[in-house]
Amino acid sequence: MQTKVMDANSPEAIELAARLFSQGQLVGFPTETVYGLGANALDPQAVLSIFAAKGRPADNPLIVHIWRREQLEGLCEIPQGAEQLMDAFWPGPLTLLFPRTERVPKEVTAGLPTVAIRMPSMPCTRKLLQACDLPIAAPSANRSGRPSPTLASHVLEDMDGRIPLILDGGECQVGLESTVLDLTHGEPTILRPGGITKEMAEEVLGREVALAGSILRPLQEGEVALSPGMRYKHYAPQGNVTLVEGEEAAVVRALRENCLLDRQAGKSSCVLCFTEHMEALADCDPHDIGSIQDQAQVAHRLFDTLRQLDQEGRETIYSEVVPPEGVGLAVMNRLGRAAAFRTMKV
């Protein structure tokens, strides 16, 4: 199969993508969070082709993308609090879990009684969803386990020859997947952190929002993945990532020492560090993940940086960490899984 790349803002591209969706085919498309790999959510065979293209386990649920709230009718029930959150954050990087109806194929939900739905804000994405007027199931448009794509070139790298079309909408604004919030079990609970933080949701709901225990740890044996992005190792480059935690000066020292030790052992090693520490780590091929004062910048750069490591053939990577607060919680959720939770405390 030849994979075509077209401008996501082109009317011809949007028309072609909408036609492919109606024919049960896959399209890679941009959103404000990351690029998605979409199919008609009401077509079980089309949904199964997503798993095949990604090499993704079918017990991992998908997110359904819509462009107007009226599309919720017939797909789900609306739990208490959902309207407030939709008013505040839709369109935007918030996914809500709803009790699903029988109209939603089990292939979308991995057999769970809930369906995850969001309304993207990127203008070209909304035009695409309006043009096809279908609920579109779409995980991130990468091979399973790899860092999520924030550029069309990332999608092509993973999906060339596997899908007929990629829409190029430029760089994703947020750079991390949406927040996934569950309202179906009484207490509002964030299953996957993202750009919409716990504090932002609490301000809207006027009540406490819980955090799933699996956000900063692997799933336990027998524990069900209620949301995308909950796998033990996920978002990972091919090299081994180790997170380094501790007092700032000690972390910088440990990053440098471990990187240089690996180099002496013949390994291609580097560090991921904050802008403020680039000079101190200049002999370790430092990769700037953003300022220690700007968590949103770190979130925006993270996946692109992880993909660069593969292009460079890095075997070992040592990374600084951010406080798991606000958007930093989302960064640490992704970094933790990229490292398979391998952590060095100094």
Protein backbone atom coordinates (compact mmCIF):
# COMPACT_ATOMS: atom_id res chain seq x y z
CA MET A 1 0.00 0.00 0.00
CA GLN A 2 1.26 3.50 -0.84
CA THR A 3 0.79 6.04 1.92
CA LYS A 4 -0.14 9.51 0.70
CA VAL A 5 0.64 12.65 2.76
CA MET A 6 -1.59 15.68 2.18
CA ASP A 7 -2.11 19.10 3.76
CA ALA A 8 -4.69 18.72 6.53
CA ASN A 9 -6.19 22.12 5.67
CA SER A 10 -6.78 21.20 2.02
CA PRO A 11 -10.46 20.68 1.10
CA GLU A 12 -9.38 17.87 -1.24
CA ALA A 13 -7.52 16.12 1.57
CA ILE A 14 -10.46 16.43 3.95
CA GLU A 15 -12.85 15.10 1.30
CA LEU A 16 -10.57 12.12 0.60
CA ALA A 17 -10.13 11.36 4.31
CA ALA A 18 -13.89 11.49 4.91
CA ARG A 19 -14.43 9.12 1.97
CA LEU A 20 -11.81 6.69 3.31
CA PHE A 21 -13.47 6.70 6.72
CA SER A 22 -16.84 5.88 5.13
CA GLN A 23 -15.18 2.97 3.28
CA GLY A 24 -13.80 1.46 6.50
CA GLN A 25 -10.20 2.57 5.92
CA LEU A 26 -7.65 4.26 8.19
CA VAL A 27 -6.38 7.84 8.17
CA GLY A 28 -3.61 9.46 10.21
CA PHE A 29 -4.69 12.94 11.28
CA PRO A 30 -3.52 15.75 13.58
CA THR A 31 -5.12 16.92 16.81
CA GLU A 32 -3.99 19.52 19.33
CA THR A 33 -2.60 16.70 21.52
CA VAL A 34 -0.88 14.13 19.23
CA TYR A 35 -1.59 12.64 15.80
CA GLY A 36 -4.35 10.02 15.77
CA LEU A 37 -4.90 6.89 13.70
CA GLY A 38 -8.60 6.99 12.92
CA ALA A 39 -11.36 4.68 11.71
CA ASN A 40 -15.16 4.72 11.77
CA ALA A 41 -15.96 3.85 15.39
CA LEU A 42 -19.23 2.15 14.36
CA ASP A 43 -17.47 -0.28 11.99
CA PRO A 44 -15.98 -3.19 13.98
CA GLN A 45 -13.78 -4.39 11.12
CA ALA A 46 -12.38 -0.90 10.56
CA VAL A 47 -11.62 -0.63 14.28
CA LEU A 48 -9.82 -3.99 14.23
CA SER A 49 -7.64 -2.70 11.41
CA ILE A 50 -6.35 0.01 13.78
CA PHE A 51 -5.00 -2.67 16.12
CA ALA A 52 -3.42 -4.50 13.19
CA ALA A 53 -1.71 -1.38 11.84
CA LYS A 54 -0.35 -0.44 15.27
CA GLY A 55 0.48 -3.94 16.45
CA ARG A 56 -1.60 -3.01 19.51
CA PRO A 57 -3.25 -5.49 21.93
CA ALA A 58 -7.00 -5.57 21.39
CA ASP A 59 -7.62 -5.37 25.16
CA ASN A 60 -6.55 -1.71 25.13
CA PRO A 61 -9.57 0.64 24.72
CA LEU A 62 -9.71 3.41 22.12
CA ILE A 63 -10.93 7.02 22.30
CA VAL A 64 -13.84 8.13 20.12
CA HIS A 65 -13.56 11.62 18.56
CA ILE A 66 -16.62 13.76 17.77
CA TRP A 67 -17.15 17.34 16.57
CA ARG A 68 -20.54 18.14 18.14
CA ARG A 69 -22.28 17.03 21.33
CA GLU A 70 -25.34 15.76 19.48
CA GLN A 71 -23.18 12.82 18.39
CA LEU A 72 -23.19 11.54 21.98
CA GLU A 73 -26.84 10.57 21.54
CA GLY A 74 -27.09 6.84 21.03
CA LEU A 75 -23.45 6.24 22.00
CA CYS A 76 -23.58 6.72 25.75
CA GLU A 77 -25.35 7.92 28.86
CA ILE A 78 -24.31 11.27 30.37
CA PRO A 79 -23.17 10.91 34.01
CA GLN A 80 -23.42 13.66 36.62
CA GLY A 81 -20.74 16.31 36.19
CA ALA A 82 -20.09 15.58 32.52
CA GLU A 83 -22.05 18.58 31.25
CA GLN A 84 -20.02 20.95 33.45
CA LEU A 85 -16.74 19.53 32.18
CA MET A 86 -17.87 19.58 28.55
CA ASP A 87 -18.94 23.22 28.94
CA ALA A 88 -15.53 24.11 30.36
CA PHE A 89 -13.12 22.00 28.30
CA TRP A 90 -14.77 20.89 25.03
CA PRO A 91 -13.48 21.25 22.44
CA GLY A 92 -10.10 20.53 23.99
CA PRO A 93 -7.70 17.93 25.41
CA LEU A 94 -10.15 16.22 27.80
CA THR A 95 -11.50 12.68 27.30
CA LEU A 96 -14.49 11.63 29.40
CA LEU A 97 -15.57 8.08 30.18
CA PHE A 98 -19.29 7.45 29.69
CA PRO A 99 -21.48 4.35 30.20
CA ARG A 100 -21.68 3.04 26.64
CA THR A 101 -24.69 1.83 24.68
CA GLU A 102 -24.85 -1.35 22.60
CA ARG A 103 -24.35 0.81 19.49
CA VAL A 104 -20.65 1.15 20.34
CA PRO A 105 -18.77 -1.96 19.16
CA LYS A 106 -16.93 -3.90 21.85
CA GLU A 107 -13.84 -3.62 19.63
CA VAL A 108 -13.70 0.10 20.52
CA THR A 109 -14.04 -0.37 24.28
CA ALA A 110 -12.06 -3.62 24.71
CA GLY A 111 -15.29 -5.12 26.05
CA LEU A 112 -15.56 -2.57 28.89
CA PRO A 113 -18.95 -1.08 29.86
CA THR A 114 -17.59 2.43 29.27
CA VAL A 115 -16.63 4.40 26.17
CA ALA A 116 -14.00 7.17 26.10
CA ILE A 117 -15.02 10.23 24.07
CA ARG A 118 -13.47 13.61 23.35
CA MET A 119 -13.99 16.64 21.11
CA PRO A 120 -10.72 17.91 19.58
CA SER A 121 -10.12 21.65 19.22
CA MET A 122 -7.73 21.80 16.25
CA PRO A 123 -9.62 23.56 13.40
CA CYS A 124 -8.57 21.17 10.62
CA THR A 125 -9.49 18.18 12.81
CA ARG A 126 -12.93 19.62 13.45
CA LYS A 127 -13.43 20.20 9.72
CA LEU A 128 -12.50 16.57 9.06
CA LEU A 129 -14.87 15.23 11.72
CA GLN A 130 -17.64 17.47 10.42
CA ALA A 131 -17.04 16.37 6.84
CA CYS A 132 -17.37 12.67 7.63
CA ASP A 133 -19.95 13.22 10.43
CA LEU A 134 -18.93 9.92 11.99
CA PRO A 135 -17.61 9.13 15.45
CA ILE A 136 -13.95 8.33 14.81
CA ALA A 137 -12.07 5.87 17.02
CA ALA A 138 -8.43 6.91 17.16
CA PRO A 139 -5.47 6.00 19.34
CA SER A 140 -2.14 7.74 18.73
CA ALA A 141 -0.80 7.08 15.21
CA ASN A 142 2.36 5.21 16.21
CA ARG A 143 3.43 1.59 16.34
CA SER A 144 2.39 0.15 19.70
CA GLY A 145 4.77 1.05 22.52
CA ARG A 146 6.67 3.74 20.59
CA PRO A 147 6.64 7.46 21.44
CA SER A 148 3.46 9.13 20.25
CA PRO A 149 3.71 11.24 17.06
CA THR A 150 3.57 15.02 17.22
CA LEU A 151 4.52 15.56 13.55
CA ALA A 152 3.21 14.00 10.34
CA SER A 153 6.75 12.77 9.67
CA HIS A 154 6.55 10.70 12.89
CA VAL A 155 3.35 9.07 11.61
CA LEU A 156 4.94 8.32 8.24
CA GLU A 157 7.95 6.80 10.01
CA ASP A 158 5.69 4.27 11.77
CA MET A 159 2.80 3.87 9.31
CA ASP A 160 4.32 4.13 5.84
CA GLY A 161 2.77 1.37 3.71
CA ARG A 162 0.26 0.48 6.45
CA ILE A 163 -2.38 3.17 5.86
CA PRO A 164 -3.55 5.00 2.72
CA LEU A 165 -3.47 8.62 3.96
CA ILE A 166 -1.81 10.93 6.48
CA LEU A 167 -3.05 14.50 6.92
CA ASP A 168 -0.21 16.89 7.75
CA GLY A 169 -1.36 19.62 10.14
CA GLY A 170 2.08 20.64 11.37
CA GLU A 171 3.29 20.35 14.95
CA CYS A 172 0.79 19.40 17.67
CA GLN A 173 0.22 22.21 20.14
CA VAL A 174 0.01 20.26 23.42
CA GLY A 175 2.34 17.36 22.61
CA LEU A 176 0.88 14.85 25.10
CA GLU A 177 -2.33 12.82 24.85
CA SER A 178 -5.55 14.09 26.42
CA THR A 179 -6.49 13.81 30.07
CA VAL A 180 -8.83 10.82 30.61
CA LEU A 181 -11.39 11.41 33.37
CA ASP A 182 -13.81 8.76 34.64
CA LEU A 183 -17.18 9.93 35.99
CA THR A 184 -18.89 6.54 35.92
CA HIS A 185 -18.00 5.28 39.42
CA GLY A 186 -19.21 8.12 41.65
CA GLU A 187 -15.89 9.75 42.52
CA PRO A 188 -14.40 11.63 39.53
CA THR A 189 -11.06 9.98 38.78
CA ILE A 190 -8.26 10.87 36.38
CA LEU A 191 -7.04 7.67 34.72
CA ARG A 192 -4.49 9.35 32.45
CA PRO A 193 -3.18 12.87 33.14
CA GLY A 194 -2.81 15.42 30.36
CA GLY A 195 -3.20 19.12 29.61
CA ILE A 196 -6.39 19.40 31.68
CA THR A 197 -5.07 19.04 35.23
CA LYS A 198 -6.64 17.70 38.42
CA GLU A 199 -6.82 21.25 39.77
CA MET A 200 -8.61 22.55 36.66
CA ALA A 201 -11.22 19.77 36.85
CA GLU A 202 -11.75 20.33 40.58
CA GLU A 203 -12.37 24.03 40.03
CA VAL A 204 -15.14 23.25 37.53
CA LEU A 205 -16.75 20.41 39.49
CA GLY A 206 -16.42 22.04 42.91
CA ARG A 207 -15.31 18.74 44.42
CA GLU A 208 -12.21 16.62 44.78
CA VAL A 209 -10.96 14.67 41.77
CA ALA A 210 -9.04 11.47 42.52
CA LEU A 211 -5.98 10.16 40.71
CA ALA A 212 -5.84 6.51 39.62
CA GLY A 213 -3.12 4.61 41.46
CA SER A 214 -1.69 3.35 38.18
CA ILE A 215 -0.68 6.81 36.93
CA LEU A 216 2.83 6.60 38.39
CA ARG A 217 3.20 2.83 38.57
CA PRO A 218 2.73 -0.19 36.27
CA LEU A 219 -0.58 -2.04 36.11
CA GLN A 220 -0.64 -4.85 38.64
CA GLU A 221 -1.21 -8.46 37.62
CA GLY A 222 -4.84 -8.90 36.61
CA GLU A 223 -5.53 -5.13 36.69
CA VAL A 224 -7.63 -4.01 33.71
CA ALA A 225 -6.52 -1.09 31.51
CA LEU A 226 -9.53 1.24 31.81
CA SER A 227 -7.87 3.89 29.65
CA PRO A 228 -5.32 4.08 26.84
CA GLY A 229 -1.74 4.68 27.99
CA MET A 230 -1.85 2.46 31.09
CA ARG A 231 0.52 -0.26 29.84
CA TYR A 232 3.70 -1.06 31.78
CA LYS A 233 6.07 0.08 29.04
CA HIS A 234 4.69 2.65 26.67
CA TYR A 235 5.84 5.76 24.78
CA ALA A 236 9.31 4.19 24.78
CA PRO A 237 12.37 4.69 22.59
CA GLN A 238 14.38 1.60 21.68
CA GLY A 239 17.15 2.42 24.17
CA ASN A 240 16.85 1.91 27.93
CA VAL A 241 15.64 5.02 29.78
CA THR A 242 16.53 5.57 33.44
CA LEU A 243 14.94 8.38 35.46
CA VAL A 244 17.21 10.13 37.97
CA GLU A 245 15.57 11.66 41.05
CA GLY A 246 17.02 13.67 43.91
CA GLU A 247 18.53 17.02 44.87
CA GLU A 248 19.34 19.12 41.82
CA ALA A 249 23.15 19.14 42.05
CA ALA A 250 23.23 15.42 42.84
CA VAL A 251 20.99 14.64 39.86
CA VAL A 252 23.19 16.59 37.45
CA ARG A 253 26.27 14.81 38.82
CA ALA A 254 24.63 11.37 38.52
CA LEU A 255 23.45 12.06 34.97
CA ARG A 256 26.98 12.94 33.92
CA GLU A 257 28.72 10.08 35.76
CA ASN A 258 26.38 7.36 34.51
CA CYS A 259 26.38 8.61 30.94
CA LEU A 260 30.19 8.74 30.81
CA LEU A 261 30.51 5.30 32.46
CA ASP A 262 28.25 3.83 29.77
CA ARG A 263 30.33 5.56 27.10
CA GLN A 264 33.49 3.95 28.55
CA ALA A 265 31.69 0.59 28.27
CA GLY A 266 31.16 1.22 24.57
CA LYS A 267 27.49 2.18 24.72
CA SER A 268 25.89 5.10 22.90
CA SER A 269 24.57 7.10 25.84
CA CYS A 270 23.10 10.57 26.39
CA VAL A 271 21.06 12.60 28.85
CA LEU A 272 17.69 14.37 28.79
CA CYS A 273 17.97 17.51 30.86
CA PHE A 274 16.47 20.91 31.56
CA THR A 275 17.66 23.97 29.64
CA GLU A 276 19.31 25.23 32.81
CA HIS A 277 21.64 22.20 32.95
CA MET A 278 22.68 21.98 29.30
CA GLU A 279 26.04 23.68 29.92
CA ALA A 280 26.92 21.52 32.93
CA LEU A 281 26.20 18.37 30.87
CA ALA A 282 27.76 19.56 27.62
CA ASP A 283 30.02 16.48 27.33
CA CYS A 284 27.07 14.08 27.59
CA ASP A 285 25.25 14.93 24.34
CA PRO A 286 22.49 16.65 26.32
CA HIS A 287 18.99 16.86 24.84
CA ASP A 288 17.12 19.96 25.99
CA ILE A 289 13.62 19.00 27.18
CA GLY A 290 12.75 22.57 28.20
CA SER A 291 13.03 24.85 31.19
CA ILE A 292 12.63 23.55 34.72
CA GLN A 293 10.25 26.50 35.17
CA ASP A 294 7.98 25.55 32.23
CA GLN A 295 6.28 22.14 32.50
CA ALA A 296 4.12 22.80 29.43
CA GLN A 297 7.28 23.28 27.37
CA VAL A 298 8.66 19.97 28.67
CA ALA A 299 5.37 18.24 27.77
CA HIS A 300 5.44 19.78 24.28
CA ARG A 301 9.00 18.61 23.56
CA LEU A 302 8.96 15.18 25.19
CA PHE A 303 7.79 12.80 22.44
CA ASP A 304 9.77 14.51 19.68
CA THR A 305 12.89 14.21 21.83
CA LEU A 306 12.27 10.52 22.54
CA ARG A 307 11.99 9.87 18.80
CA GLN A 308 15.26 11.69 18.18
CA LEU A 309 16.97 9.19 20.48
CA ASP A 310 16.03 6.34 18.14
CA GLN A 311 17.31 8.23 15.12
CA GLU A 312 20.63 8.63 16.96
CA GLY A 313 20.73 4.96 17.98
CA ARG A 314 21.02 5.69 21.71
CA GLU A 315 21.34 2.55 23.83
CA THR A 316 21.06 4.17 27.28
CA ILE A 317 19.37 7.43 28.23
CA TYR A 318 19.40 9.14 31.62
CA SER A 319 16.67 11.69 32.26
CA GLU A 320 15.85 14.41 34.73
CA VAL A 321 12.34 14.44 36.20
CA VAL A 322 9.76 17.12 36.97
CA PRO A 323 7.57 17.38 40.08
CA PRO A 324 4.41 15.29 39.48
CA GLU A 325 2.10 18.27 39.86
CA GLY A 326 -0.11 20.05 37.34
CA VAL A 327 1.03 19.22 33.79
CA GLY A 328 4.15 17.71 35.41
CA LEU A 329 2.04 14.73 36.45
CA ALA A 330 1.34 14.02 32.78
CA VAL A 331 5.04 14.35 31.93
CA MET A 332 6.01 11.91 34.68
CA ASN A 333 3.27 9.47 33.64
CA ARG A 334 4.75 9.34 30.12
CA LEU A 335 8.40 9.34 31.24
CA GLY A 336 7.71 6.63 33.81
CA ARG A 337 6.25 4.32 31.20
CA ALA A 338 8.96 5.18 28.67
CA ALA A 339 11.46 4.02 31.31
CA ALA A 340 9.34 1.01 32.36
CA PHE A 341 9.53 2.78 35.77
CA ARG A 342 13.32 2.26 36.01
CA THR A 343 14.38 4.95 38.52
CA MET A 344 17.67 5.89 40.18
CA LYS A 345 17.40 7.86 43.43
CA VAL A 346 20.44 10.00 44.28
